C-alpha atoms as a PDB file:
ATOM      1  CA  MET A   1       9.325  15.572  30.897  1.00  0.00           C
ATOM      2  CA  SER A   2       5.955  15.845  29.106  1.00  0.00           C
ATOM      3  CA  GLU A   3       4.825  13.409  26.424  1.00  0.00           C
ATOM      4  CA  GLN A   4       4.966  16.230  23.870  1.00  0.00           C
ATOM      5  CA  THR A   5       8.502  17.237  24.846  1.00  0.00           C
ATOM      6  CA  ALA A   6       9.690  13.633  24.722  1.00  0.00           C
ATOM      7  CA  ALA A   7       8.169  13.250  21.253  1.00  0.00           C
ATOM      8  CA  THR A   8      10.449  15.945  19.836  1.00  0.00           C
ATOM      9  CA  ASP A   9      13.475  13.718  20.483  1.00  0.00           C
ATOM     10  CA  LYS A  10      12.327  11.216  17.871  1.00  0.00           C
ATOM     11  CA  ALA A  11       9.757  13.132  15.851  1.00  0.00           C
ATOM     12  CA  THR A  12       8.930  16.547  14.450  1.00  0.00           C
ATOM     13  CA  GLN A  13       5.661  18.372  14.883  1.00  0.00           C
ATOM     14  CA  GLU A  14       4.021  18.780  11.488  1.00  0.00           C
ATOM     15  CA  SER A  15       0.605  20.003  10.372  1.00  0.00           C
ATOM     16  CA  LEU A  16      -2.335  18.305   8.751  1.00  0.00           C
ATOM     17  CA  VAL A  17      -2.664  19.704   5.233  1.00  0.00           C
ATOM     18  CA  SER A  18      -5.818  18.015   3.958  1.00  0.00           C
ATOM     19  CA  ILE A  19      -8.188  15.072   4.302  1.00  0.00           C
ATOM     20  CA  HIS A  20      -9.957  13.367   1.404  1.00  0.00           C
ATOM     21  CA  ARG A  21     -12.821  11.092   2.427  1.00  0.00           C
ATOM     22  CA  TRP A  22     -13.457   8.188   0.075  1.00  0.00           C
ATOM     23  CA  THR A  23     -16.221   6.709   2.241  1.00  0.00           C
ATOM     24  CA  GLU A  24     -17.411   7.151   5.822  1.00  0.00           C
ATOM     25  CA  LYS A  25     -14.557   4.904   6.980  1.00  0.00           C
ATOM     26  CA  LEU A  26     -11.804   5.377   4.384  1.00  0.00           C
ATOM     27  CA  LEU A  27      -9.724   8.517   4.059  1.00  0.00           C
ATOM     28  CA  THR A  28      -6.503   9.825   2.609  1.00  0.00           C
ATOM     29  CA  PHE A  29      -4.710  12.523   4.572  1.00  0.00           C
ATOM     30  CA  ARG A  30      -1.675  14.690   3.964  1.00  0.00           C
ATOM     31  CA  THR A  31       0.816  16.313   6.329  1.00  0.00           C
ATOM     32  CA  THR A  32       3.656  18.729   5.893  1.00  0.00           C
ATOM     33  CA  ARG A  33       6.971  16.975   5.346  1.00  0.00           C
ATOM     34  CA  PRO A  34       9.798  17.279   7.875  1.00  0.00           C
ATOM     35  CA  ALA A  35      12.950  18.928   6.554  1.00  0.00           C
ATOM     36  CA  GLY A  36      15.358  16.273   5.319  1.00  0.00           C
ATOM     37  CA  TYR A  37      12.827  13.446   5.695  1.00  0.00           C
ATOM     38  CA  ARG A  38      13.704  10.447   3.518  1.00  0.00           C
ATOM     39  CA  PHE A  39      11.800   7.325   2.587  1.00  0.00           C
ATOM     40  CA  ALA A  40      11.777   4.675  -0.108  1.00  0.00           C
ATOM     41  CA  PRO A  41       8.496   3.904  -1.909  1.00  0.00           C
ATOM     42  CA  GLY A  42       6.900   0.998  -0.038  1.00  0.00           C
ATOM     43  CA  GLN A  43       8.029   2.123   3.409  1.00  0.00           C
ATOM     44  CA  PHE A  44       5.884   3.384   6.274  1.00  0.00           C
ATOM     45  CA  ALA A  45       6.007   6.235   8.772  1.00  0.00           C
ATOM     46  CA  ARG A  46       5.098   6.351  12.450  1.00  0.00           C
ATOM     47  CA  LEU A  47       2.690   9.157  13.282  1.00  0.00           C
ATOM     48  CA  GLY A  48       1.746  10.570  16.659  1.00  0.00           C
ATOM     49  CA  LEU A  49      -1.324  12.378  17.981  1.00  0.00           C
ATOM     50  CA  GLN A  50      -2.050  13.816  21.392  1.00  0.00           C
ATOM     51  CA  VAL A  51      -5.091  11.992  22.764  1.00  0.00           C
ATOM     52  CA  ASN A  52      -6.346  12.835  26.239  1.00  0.00           C
ATOM     53  CA  GLY A  53      -2.975  14.299  27.160  1.00  0.00           C
ATOM     54  CA  GLU A  54      -0.938  11.313  25.970  1.00  0.00           C
ATOM     55  CA  MET A  55       0.951  10.653  22.737  1.00  0.00           C
ATOM     56  CA  VAL A  56      -0.495   7.792  20.687  1.00  0.00           C
ATOM     57  CA  TRP A  57       1.585   6.366  17.831  1.00  0.00           C
ATOM     58  CA  ARG A  58       0.528   4.371  14.777  1.00  0.00           C
ATOM     59  CA  ALA A  59       2.289   3.199  11.606  1.00  0.00           C
ATOM     60  CA  TYR A  60       0.971   4.183   8.183  1.00  0.00           C
ATOM     61  CA  SER A  61       2.295   3.363   4.737  1.00  0.00           C
ATOM     62  CA  ILE A  62       3.369   6.435   2.807  1.00  0.00           C
ATOM     63  CA  THR A  63       1.355   6.810  -0.399  1.00  0.00           C
ATOM     64  CA  SER A  64       2.973   9.958  -1.757  1.00  0.00           C
ATOM     65  CA  ALA A  65       5.695  10.078  -4.384  1.00  0.00           C
ATOM     66  CA  GLN A  66       9.259  10.067  -3.116  1.00  0.00           C
ATOM     67  CA  ALA A  67      10.026  13.665  -4.134  1.00  0.00           C
ATOM     68  CA  GLU A  68       6.785  15.365  -3.022  1.00  0.00           C
ATOM     69  CA  ASP A  69       6.960  18.171  -0.487  1.00  0.00           C
ATOM     70  CA  GLN A  70       4.050  16.677   1.480  1.00  0.00           C
ATOM     71  CA  LEU A  71       3.511  13.197   2.933  1.00  0.00           C
ATOM     72  CA  GLU A  72       0.312  11.287   2.158  1.00  0.00           C
ATOM     73  CA  TYR A  73      -1.242   8.291   3.939  1.00  0.00           C
ATOM     74  CA  TYR A  74      -4.266   6.022   3.491  1.00  0.00           C
ATOM     75  CA  ALA A  75      -6.295   5.019   6.555  1.00  0.00           C
ATOM     76  CA  ILE A  76      -9.428   3.282   7.747  1.00  0.00           C
ATOM     77  CA  ILE A  77     -11.351   4.649  10.707  1.00  0.00           C
ATOM     78  CA  VAL A  78     -11.490   1.880  13.302  1.00  0.00           C
ATOM     79  CA  PRO A  79     -14.634   1.962  15.480  1.00  0.00           C
ATOM     80  CA  ASP A  80     -13.570   3.190  18.934  1.00  0.00           C
ATOM     81  CA  GLY A  81      -9.946   3.235  17.745  1.00  0.00           C
ATOM     82  CA  LEU A  82      -7.923   5.587  19.910  1.00  0.00           C
ATOM     83  CA  PHE A  83      -5.769   7.019  17.113  1.00  0.00           C
ATOM     84  CA  THR A  84      -8.208   7.002  14.212  1.00  0.00           C
ATOM     85  CA  SER A  85     -11.059   8.457  16.270  1.00  0.00           C
ATOM     86  CA  ALA A  86      -8.799  11.433  16.985  1.00  0.00           C
ATOM     87  CA  LEU A  87      -7.584  11.533  13.380  1.00  0.00           C
ATOM     88  CA  ASN A  88     -11.170  11.649  12.161  1.00  0.00           C
ATOM     89  CA  GLN A  89     -11.725  14.887  14.094  1.00  0.00           C
ATOM     90  CA  LEU A  90      -8.664  16.748  12.823  1.00  0.00           C
ATOM     91  CA  GLN A  91      -8.874  19.862  10.683  1.00  0.00           C
ATOM     92  CA  PRO A  92      -6.226  21.313   8.335  1.00  0.00           C
ATOM     93  CA  GLY A  93      -3.586  23.080  10.381  1.00  0.00           C
ATOM     94  CA  ASP A  94      -3.902  20.777  13.387  1.00  0.00           C
ATOM     95  CA  PRO A  95      -0.641  19.277  14.727  1.00  0.00           C
ATOM     96  CA  ILE A  96       0.506  15.744  13.997  1.00  0.00           C
ATOM     97  CA  TRP A  97       3.913  14.284  14.804  1.00  0.00           C
ATOM     98  CA  VAL A  98       6.042  12.414  12.243  1.00  0.00           C
ATOM     99  CA  GLU A  99       8.928  10.243  13.425  1.00  0.00           C
ATOM    100  CA  LYS A 100      12.236  11.239  11.896  1.00  0.00           C
ATOM    101  CA  LEU A 101      12.916   7.753  10.501  1.00  0.00           C
ATOM    102  CA  SER A 102      10.979   5.744   7.922  1.00  0.00           C
ATOM    103  CA  TYR A 103      10.615   1.990   8.227  1.00  0.00           C
ATOM    104  CA  GLY A 104      10.025  -1.192   6.285  1.00  0.00           C
ATOM    105  CA  PHE A 105      11.645  -3.506   3.760  1.00  0.00           C
ATOM    106  CA  MET A 106       8.786  -3.888   1.273  1.00  0.00           C
ATOM    107  CA  THR A 107      10.575  -2.052  -1.520  1.00  0.00           C
ATOM    108  CA  PRO A 108      10.976  -3.133  -5.171  1.00  0.00           C
ATOM    109  CA  ASP A 109      14.758  -2.861  -5.090  1.00  0.00           C
ATOM    110  CA  ARG A 110      14.849  -6.061  -3.041  1.00  0.00           C
ATOM    111  CA  PHE A 111      14.018  -7.932  -6.248  1.00  0.00           C
ATOM    112  CA  THR A 112      17.122  -8.381  -8.345  1.00  0.00           C
ATOM    113  CA  ASP A 113      15.426 -10.117 -11.273  1.00  0.00           C
ATOM    114  CA  GLY A 114      12.019 -11.156 -12.593  1.00  0.00           C
ATOM    115  CA  GLU A 115       9.792  -9.798 -15.342  1.00  0.00           C
ATOM    116  CA  ASP A 116       6.313  -9.654 -13.809  1.00  0.00           C
ATOM    117  CA  PHE A 117       5.673  -7.681 -10.614  1.00  0.00           C
ATOM    118  CA  TRP A 118       2.471  -8.691  -8.807  1.00  0.00           C
ATOM    119  CA  MET A 119       1.155  -6.366  -6.068  1.00  0.00           C
ATOM    120  CA  LEU A 120      -1.595  -8.016  -3.990  1.00  0.00           C
ATOM    121  CA  ALA A 121      -3.562  -5.967  -1.461  1.00  0.00           C
ATOM    122  CA  THR A 122      -6.627  -6.166   0.727  1.00  0.00           C
ATOM    123  CA  GLY A 123      -8.220  -2.964   2.002  1.00  0.00           C
ATOM    124  CA  THR A 124      -5.779  -0.238   3.021  1.00  0.00           C
ATOM    125  CA  GLY A 125      -2.921  -2.627   2.238  1.00  0.00           C
ATOM    126  CA  LEU A 126      -3.100  -0.840  -1.117  1.00  0.00           C
ATOM    127  CA  GLY A 127      -1.185   2.090   0.395  1.00  0.00           C
ATOM    128  CA  PRO A 128       2.452   1.202  -0.357  1.00  0.00           C
ATOM    129  CA  TYR A 129       1.668   0.422  -3.992  1.00  0.00           C
ATOM    130  CA  VAL A 130       0.346   3.945  -4.555  1.00  0.00           C
ATOM    131  CA  SER A 131       3.828   5.237  -3.767  1.00  0.00           C
ATOM    132  CA  ILE A 132       5.675   2.423  -5.551  1.00  0.00           C
ATOM    133  CA  LEU A 133       3.804   3.021  -8.815  1.00  0.00           C
ATOM    134  CA  GLN A 134       4.848   6.675  -8.728  1.00  0.00           C
ATOM    135  CA  GLN A 135       8.479   5.543  -8.846  1.00  0.00           C
ATOM    136  CA  ARG A 136       9.822   5.719 -12.391  1.00  0.00           C
ATOM    137  CA  GLU A 137      12.335   2.958 -11.725  1.00  0.00           C
ATOM    138  CA  VAL A 138       9.668   0.287 -11.153  1.00  0.00           C
ATOM    139  CA  TRP A 139       8.287   0.920 -14.663  1.00  0.00           C
ATOM    140  CA  GLN A 140      11.788   0.297 -15.997  1.00  0.00           C
ATOM    141  CA  GLN A 141      12.608  -2.675 -13.791  1.00  0.00           C
ATOM    142  CA  PHE A 142       9.724  -4.941 -14.888  1.00  0.00           C
ATOM    143  CA  ARG A 143       7.833  -5.847 -18.048  1.00  0.00           C
ATOM    144  CA  ASN A 144       4.412  -6.275 -16.422  1.00  0.00           C
ATOM    145  CA  LEU A 145       2.958  -4.604 -13.335  1.00  0.00           C
ATOM    146  CA  ILE A 146      -0.159  -6.327 -11.980  1.00  0.00           C
ATOM    147  CA  LEU A 147      -2.014  -4.606  -9.162  1.00  0.00           C
ATOM    148  CA  VAL A 148      -4.694  -6.674  -7.396  1.00  0.00           C
ATOM    149  CA  HIS A 149      -6.936  -4.878  -4.909  1.00  0.00           C
ATOM    150  CA  CYS A 150      -9.550  -6.851  -2.970  1.00  0.00           C
ATOM    151  CA  VAL A 151     -12.207  -5.150  -0.833  1.00  0.00           C
ATOM    152  CA  ARG A 152     -15.684  -5.900   0.457  1.00  0.00           C
ATOM    153  CA  HIS A 153     -17.649  -3.380  -1.604  1.00  0.00           C
ATOM    154  CA  GLU A 154     -17.023  -1.563  -4.884  1.00  0.00           C
ATOM    155  CA  GLU A 155     -17.019   1.867  -3.240  1.00  0.00           C
ATOM    156  CA  GLU A 156     -13.853   0.809  -1.389  1.00  0.00           C
ATOM    157  CA  LEU A 157     -11.890   0.423  -4.638  1.00  0.00           C
ATOM    158  CA  THR A 158      -9.991   3.670  -4.166  1.00  0.00           C
ATOM    159  CA  TYR A 159      -7.237   5.479  -6.089  1.00  0.00           C
ATOM    160  CA  GLN A 160      -8.588   4.207  -9.432  1.00  0.00           C
ATOM    161  CA  GLU A 161      -8.201   7.552 -11.218  1.00  0.00           C
ATOM    162  CA  LYS A 162      -4.654   7.841  -9.856  1.00  0.00           C
ATOM    163  CA  PHE A 163      -3.660   4.477 -11.302  1.00  0.00           C
ATOM    164  CA  GLN A 164      -5.232   5.298 -14.667  1.00  0.00           C
ATOM    165  CA  SER A 165      -3.291   8.573 -14.695  1.00  0.00           C
ATOM    166  CA  LEU A 166      -0.010   6.818 -13.856  1.00  0.00           C
ATOM    167  CA  ARG A 167      -0.599   4.318 -16.656  1.00  0.00           C
ATOM    168  CA  ALA A 168      -1.213   7.143 -19.137  1.00  0.00           C
ATOM    169  CA  GLU A 169       1.890   9.029 -17.957  1.00  0.00           C
ATOM    170  CA  ALA A 170       4.055   5.924 -18.338  1.00  0.00           C
ATOM    171  CA  ALA A 171       2.787   5.376 -21.872  1.00  0.00           C
ATOM    172  CA  ALA A 172       3.442   9.020 -22.770  1.00  0.00           C
ATOM    173  CA  GLN A 173       7.012   8.651 -21.497  1.00  0.00           C
ATOM    174  CA  ASN A 174       7.500   5.372 -23.380  1.00  0.00           C
ATOM    175  CA  LEU A 175       8.316   3.500 -20.195  1.00  0.00           C
ATOM    176  CA  PRO A 176       8.499  -0.238 -20.928  1.00  0.00           C
ATOM    177  CA  ALA A 177       6.190  -1.725 -18.268  1.00  0.00           C
ATOM    178  CA  ARG A 178       2.468  -2.343 -18.741  1.00  0.00           C
ATOM    179  CA  LEU A 179       0.118  -1.860 -15.766  1.00  0.00           C
ATOM    180  CA  GLN A 180      -2.904  -4.083 -15.249  1.00  0.00           C
ATOM    181  CA  LEU A 181      -5.522  -3.352 -12.572  1.00  0.00           C
ATOM    182  CA  ILE A 182      -7.434  -6.338 -11.194  1.00  0.00           C
ATOM    183  CA  ARG A 183     -10.258  -5.270  -8.907  1.00  0.00           C
ATOM    184  CA  MET A 184     -11.960  -7.724  -6.586  1.00  0.00           C
ATOM    185  CA  THR A 185     -14.944  -7.548  -4.234  1.00  0.00           C
ATOM    186  CA  THR A 186     -16.074 -10.138  -1.709  1.00  0.00           C
ATOM    187  CA  ARG A 187     -19.514  -8.843  -0.704  1.00  0.00           C
ATOM    188  CA  ASP A 188     -20.966  -7.220  -3.825  1.00  0.00           C
ATOM    189  CA  ASP A 189     -22.726  -9.436  -6.350  1.00  0.00           C
ATOM    190  CA  GLY A 190     -20.060 -10.377  -8.859  1.00  0.00           C
ATOM    191  CA  ALA A 191     -22.612 -11.603 -11.381  1.00  0.00           C
ATOM    192  CA  THR A 192     -23.385  -8.037 -12.494  1.00  0.00           C
ATOM    193  CA  ALA A 193     -19.800  -6.798 -12.604  1.00  0.00           C
ATOM    194  CA  SER A 194     -17.818  -7.459 -15.753  1.00  0.00           C
ATOM    195  CA  ASP A 195     -14.984  -5.130 -14.683  1.00  0.00           C
ATOM    196  CA  ARG A 196     -13.967  -6.996 -11.527  1.00  0.00           C
ATOM    197  CA  LEU A 197     -13.574 -10.420  -9.978  1.00  0.00           C
ATOM    198  CA  HIS A 198     -15.793 -11.693  -7.186  1.00  0.00           C
ATOM    199  CA  GLY A 199     -14.216 -13.496  -4.235  1.00  0.00           C
ATOM    200  CA  ARG A 200     -11.016 -13.531  -2.254  1.00  0.00           C
ATOM    201  CA  ILE A 201      -7.422 -13.242  -3.428  1.00  0.00           C
ATOM    202  CA  THR A 202      -6.583 -16.619  -1.909  1.00  0.00           C
ATOM    203  CA  SER A 203      -9.393 -18.368  -3.806  1.00  0.00           C
ATOM    204  CA  ALA A 204      -8.403 -16.675  -7.061  1.00  0.00           C
ATOM    205  CA  LEU A 205      -4.820 -17.785  -6.515  1.00  0.00           C
ATOM    206  CA  ARG A 206      -5.814 -21.384  -5.886  1.00  0.00           C
ATOM    207  CA  ASP A 207      -8.187 -21.714  -8.869  1.00  0.00           C
ATOM    208  CA  GLY A 208      -5.998 -19.727 -11.281  1.00  0.00           C
ATOM    209  CA  GLY A 209      -8.458 -16.843 -11.576  1.00  0.00           C
ATOM    210  CA  LEU A 210      -5.807 -14.170 -11.053  1.00  0.00           C
ATOM    211  CA  GLU A 211      -3.554 -15.597 -13.719  1.00  0.00           C
ATOM    212  CA  ARG A 212      -6.404 -15.963 -16.195  1.00  0.00           C
ATOM    213  CA  SER A 213      -7.468 -12.385 -15.589  1.00  0.00           C
ATOM    214  CA  ALA A 214      -3.937 -11.063 -16.095  1.00  0.00           C
ATOM    215  CA  GLY A 215      -3.090 -13.454 -18.906  1.00  0.00           C
ATOM    216  CA  LEU A 216       0.160 -14.251 -17.107  1.00  0.00           C
ATOM    217  CA  PRO A 217       1.336 -17.272 -15.109  1.00  0.00           C
ATOM    218  CA  ILE A 218       2.827 -16.957 -11.638  1.00  0.00           C
ATOM    219  CA  THR A 219       6.168 -18.771 -11.734  1.00  0.00           C
ATOM    220  CA  ALA A 220       9.364 -18.741  -9.733  1.00  0.00           C
ATOM    221  CA  ALA A 221      11.323 -17.803 -12.839  1.00  0.00           C
ATOM    222  CA  SER A 222       9.401 -14.711 -13.940  1.00  0.00           C
ATOM    223  CA  SER A 223       7.127 -13.564 -11.091  1.00  0.00           C
ATOM    224  CA  ARG A 224       7.963 -11.321  -8.159  1.00  0.00           C
ATOM    225  CA  LEU A 225       5.209 -10.588  -5.651  1.00  0.00           C
ATOM    226  CA  MET A 226       4.395  -8.231  -2.826  1.00  0.00           C
ATOM    227  CA  VAL A 227       1.480  -9.051  -0.536  1.00  0.00           C
ATOM    228  CA  CYS A 228       0.085  -6.464   1.882  1.00  0.00           C
ATOM    229  CA  GLY A 229      -3.065  -6.560   3.989  1.00  0.00           C
ATOM    230  CA  ASN A 230      -4.983  -8.835   6.318  1.00  0.00           C
ATOM    231  CA  PRO A 231      -2.654 -11.175   8.256  1.00  0.00           C
ATOM    232  CA  ASP A 232      -4.844 -14.236   7.660  1.00  0.00           C
ATOM    233  CA  MET A 233      -4.810 -13.573   3.924  1.00  0.00           C
ATOM    234  CA  ILE A 234      -1.045 -13.176   3.967  1.00  0.00           C
ATOM    235  CA  THR A 235      -0.530 -16.444   5.852  1.00  0.00           C
ATOM    236  CA  GLU A 236      -2.598 -18.342   3.292  1.00  0.00           C
ATOM    237  CA  VAL A 237      -0.960 -16.634   0.308  1.00  0.00           C
ATOM    238  CA  ARG A 238       2.476 -17.538   1.648  1.00  0.00           C
ATOM    239  CA  GLU A 239       1.412 -21.188   1.895  1.00  0.00           C
ATOM    240  CA  ILE A 240       0.006 -21.166  -1.656  1.00  0.00           C
ATOM    241  CA  LEU A 241       3.144 -19.594  -3.103  1.00  0.00           C
ATOM    242  CA  LYS A 242       5.424 -22.011  -1.253  1.00  0.00           C
ATOM    243  CA  GLU A 243       3.376 -24.919  -2.586  1.00  0.00           C
ATOM    244  CA  ARG A 244       4.082 -23.592  -6.068  1.00  0.00           C
ATOM    245  CA  GLY A 245       7.821 -23.406  -5.520  1.00  0.00           C
ATOM    246  CA  LEU A 246       8.177 -19.716  -4.660  1.00  0.00           C
ATOM    247  CA  GLY A 247      10.015 -18.539  -1.559  1.00  0.00           C
ATOM    248  CA  PRO A 248      10.262 -15.390   0.564  1.00  0.00           C
ATOM    249  CA  CYS A 249      12.949 -12.805  -0.129  1.00  0.00           C
ATOM    250  CA  ARG A 250      15.916 -12.972   2.189  1.00  0.00           C
ATOM    251  CA  ARG A 251      18.355 -10.238   3.151  1.00  0.00           C
ATOM    252  CA  ALA A 252      21.127 -12.342   1.702  1.00  0.00           C
ATOM    253  CA  GLY A 253      19.320 -12.391  -1.649  1.00  0.00           C
ATOM    254  CA  GLY A 254      17.020 -14.677  -3.581  1.00  0.00           C
ATOM    255  CA  GLY A 255      13.322 -15.352  -3.165  1.00  0.00           C
ATOM    256  CA  GLN A 256      10.243 -14.320  -5.070  1.00  0.00           C
ATOM    257  CA  PHE A 257       7.863 -12.641  -2.601  1.00  0.00           C
ATOM    258  CA  ILE A 258       7.675 -10.081   0.214  1.00  0.00           C
ATOM    259  CA  THR A 259       4.782  -9.768   2.661  1.00  0.00           C
ATOM    260  CA  GLU A 260       3.638  -7.152   5.156  1.00  0.00           C
ATOM    261  CA  ASP A 261       0.712  -7.306   7.573  1.00  0.00           C
ATOM    262  CA  TYR A 262      -1.429  -4.175   7.254  1.00  0.00           C
ATOM    263  CA  TRP A 263      -5.048  -3.776   8.268  1.00  0.00           C
END
């Protein structure tokens, strides 16, 4: 049995629809959507490409809205990466395989209470929040939505127009939540940037910079957090939150934060 034939047992062959290049390394790409495919905002898909006669699989967070007829993903081109090097060469119409199941537990419905929803991301860890913020229910579930995106350079602060559009749409529909965007860079000179913070998420958590910027405290009573991105960042954030009396969400219920490694 060939690799391609075996893939059809767990996946469907779809087509690349489009690629949008934010920078030389960052891109958003869209595929056709398998018939009957279901996912919850915050989940990820497993995608397959034929590379040198073999199927190579990688997981990508879905950034599209739940009801769209296409699936969208956000990716970074990894130097010499087997999958992304092939992805970088694709043209619209080229085949790409999408597993029939979606995966992941980083979904807002795991929070049963709380007023302030913090979404912390480094790099392409932003992906799941693009989908989550297109979900009407999240604007009804919380009072404040705080999206924190930390990257090396300003040009990597992607999806900004999308978030501004979602904020305007929510206001027009009189949805109760308010969205704040906190942008952070670690390499650019923060002294000349009044519209973003300079430094790392972990440092801004420890010195209170995130809370001052948002005008909101992070507490076990009111705050619910998702953290997605670099594993080292996530490990440190978990320690900081635990020191402050917050705990991870459990399947049995309770807890204030959910984390997912994504880089």
